[in-house]
Amino acid sequence: QVQLVESGGGLVQAGGSLRLSCAASGRALSDSVTGWFRQAPGKEREFVATINWSGSSTYYAHSAKGRFTISKDDAKNTAYLQMNSLKPEDTAVYYCRLIFWGGSDYWGGGTLVTVSS
């Protein structure tokens, strides 16, 4: 059984930084496409960033490009989202998602990021 546990969220002032972590157990990150999504209060969940199985390719939402960096450490089976220059509109619950070959799809429980102005 795959379990994903996000951590690293919290309260930060605008312009600050946070690094989110997504620790996976049960299957290897290196077998998956890993993504970060977020859901702000009253809004739909939206895509933030993704990294491919080998870590050689990343893709970002327009809102994240240039400020956020997705990465992973396969030895630790953990993915990361480094978030810099945070804005109040980045306030949301952030979720990691793993999609494995064959279509198995898993979500973590989320970690709350609050950016104050």
Protein backbone atom coordinates (compact mmCIF):
# COMPACT_ATOMS: atom_id res chain seq x y z
CA GLN A 1 0.00 0.00 0.00
CA VAL A 2 1.34 3.39 -0.99
CA GLN A 3 1.29 6.15 1.59
CA LEU A 4 2.26 9.76 1.00
CA VAL A 5 2.89 12.17 3.85
CA GLU A 6 3.40 15.86 3.16
CA SER A 7 5.14 18.16 5.61
CA GLY A 8 6.75 21.57 5.73
CA GLY A 9 3.72 23.78 5.51
CA GLY A 10 3.10 26.66 7.85
CA LEU A 11 2.64 30.38 8.17
CA VAL A 12 5.06 32.64 6.33
CA GLN A 13 5.12 36.31 5.39
CA ALA A 14 4.84 37.41 1.81
CA GLY A 15 8.23 37.19 0.14
CA GLY A 16 9.32 34.32 2.32
CA SER A 17 10.16 30.72 1.50
CA LEU A 18 9.05 27.26 2.47
CA ARG A 19 10.15 23.78 1.43
CA LEU A 20 7.50 21.13 1.31
CA SER A 21 8.33 17.45 1.52
CA CYS A 22 6.39 14.40 0.38
CA ALA A 23 7.61 11.17 1.92
CA ALA A 24 6.46 8.06 0.10
CA SER A 25 6.29 4.50 1.35
CA GLY A 26 5.18 1.30 -0.27
CA ARG A 27 6.54 1.99 -3.76
CA ALA A 28 9.48 3.80 -5.23
CA LEU A 29 9.26 7.37 -6.47
CA SER A 30 11.56 6.38 -9.29
CA ASP A 31 8.69 4.35 -10.74
CA SER A 32 6.33 7.32 -10.84
CA VAL A 33 5.54 10.74 -12.13
CA THR A 34 5.37 12.98 -9.07
CA GLY A 35 3.32 16.11 -8.88
CA TRP A 36 2.34 18.88 -6.50
CA PHE A 37 -1.15 20.34 -6.52
CA ARG A 38 -2.87 22.90 -4.33
CA GLN A 39 -6.34 23.85 -3.30
CA ALA A 40 -7.17 27.28 -1.98
CA PRO A 41 -10.30 27.88 0.11
CA GLY A 42 -13.38 27.84 -2.08
CA LYS A 43 -11.43 26.93 -5.21
CA GLU A 44 -10.77 23.86 -7.29
CA ARG A 45 -7.61 21.86 -6.80
CA GLU A 46 -5.00 23.01 -9.30
CA PHE A 47 -1.73 21.75 -10.72
CA VAL A 48 1.49 23.32 -9.46
CA ALA A 49 4.46 21.27 -10.70
CA THR A 50 5.51 17.82 -11.84
CA ILE A 51 8.71 15.83 -12.21
CA ASN A 52 9.17 12.71 -14.28
CA TRP A 53 10.28 9.30 -13.09
CA SER A 54 13.98 9.92 -13.68
CA GLY A 55 14.00 13.49 -12.43
CA SER A 56 15.24 14.70 -15.81
CA SER A 57 12.15 16.70 -16.71
CA THR A 58 10.01 19.16 -14.78
CA TYR A 59 6.98 21.22 -15.66
CA TYR A 60 5.36 24.10 -13.82
CA ALA A 61 2.12 25.98 -13.76
CA HIS A 62 2.48 29.56 -14.90
CA SER A 63 1.86 30.75 -11.35
CA ALA A 64 4.78 28.68 -10.04
CA LYS A 65 7.33 29.18 -12.78
CA GLY A 66 10.42 31.02 -11.64
CA ARG A 67 9.46 30.86 -7.96
CA PHE A 68 8.93 27.16 -7.19
CA THR A 69 11.25 24.23 -7.79
CA ILE A 70 10.21 20.59 -7.71
CA SER A 71 12.81 17.94 -6.98
CA LYS A 72 13.13 14.47 -5.53
CA ASP A 73 15.59 12.26 -3.74
CA ASP A 74 15.02 8.68 -4.81
CA ALA A 75 17.33 7.36 -2.10
CA LYS A 76 15.05 8.94 0.51
CA ASN A 77 11.91 8.24 -1.54
CA THR A 78 10.93 11.85 -0.95
CA ALA A 79 9.82 14.64 -3.24
CA TYR A 80 10.19 18.33 -2.50
CA LEU A 81 8.68 21.63 -3.50
CA GLN A 82 10.88 24.63 -2.78
CA MET A 83 8.72 27.74 -2.77
CA ASN A 84 10.33 31.18 -2.86
CA SER A 85 8.93 34.69 -3.13
CA LEU A 86 5.65 33.50 -1.70
CA LYS A 87 2.53 35.57 -2.24
CA PRO A 88 -0.75 35.65 -0.32
CA GLU A 89 -2.41 34.01 -3.32
CA ASP A 90 -0.19 30.97 -2.75
CA THR A 91 -2.17 30.23 0.40
CA ALA A 92 -3.63 26.75 -0.01
CA VAL A 93 -3.44 23.15 1.06
CA TYR A 94 -0.65 21.55 -0.95
CA TYR A 95 -0.90 17.92 -1.99
CA CYS A 96 1.56 15.55 -3.59
CA ARG A 97 0.43 12.98 -6.11
CA LEU A 98 2.15 9.92 -7.55
CA ILE A 99 1.11 8.26 -10.79
CA PHE A 100 2.72 4.95 -11.57
CA TRP A 101 3.08 3.05 -14.83
CA GLY A 102 -0.22 1.28 -15.31
CA GLY A 103 -2.24 4.16 -13.93
CA SER A 104 -2.16 3.67 -10.16
CA ASP A 105 -2.72 7.10 -8.69
CA TYR A 106 -2.12 8.19 -5.09
CA TRP A 107 -2.60 11.42 -3.17
CA GLY A 108 -1.24 12.57 0.14
CA GLY A 109 -3.33 14.18 2.84
CA GLY A 110 -1.98 17.68 2.25
CA THR A 111 -0.10 20.33 4.16
CA LEU A 112 -1.41 23.86 4.73
CA VAL A 113 0.57 26.86 3.54
CA THR A 114 -0.57 30.27 4.70
CA VAL A 115 1.10 33.40 3.34
CA SER A 116 0.36 36.61 5.18
CA SER A 117 0.56 40.02 3.53
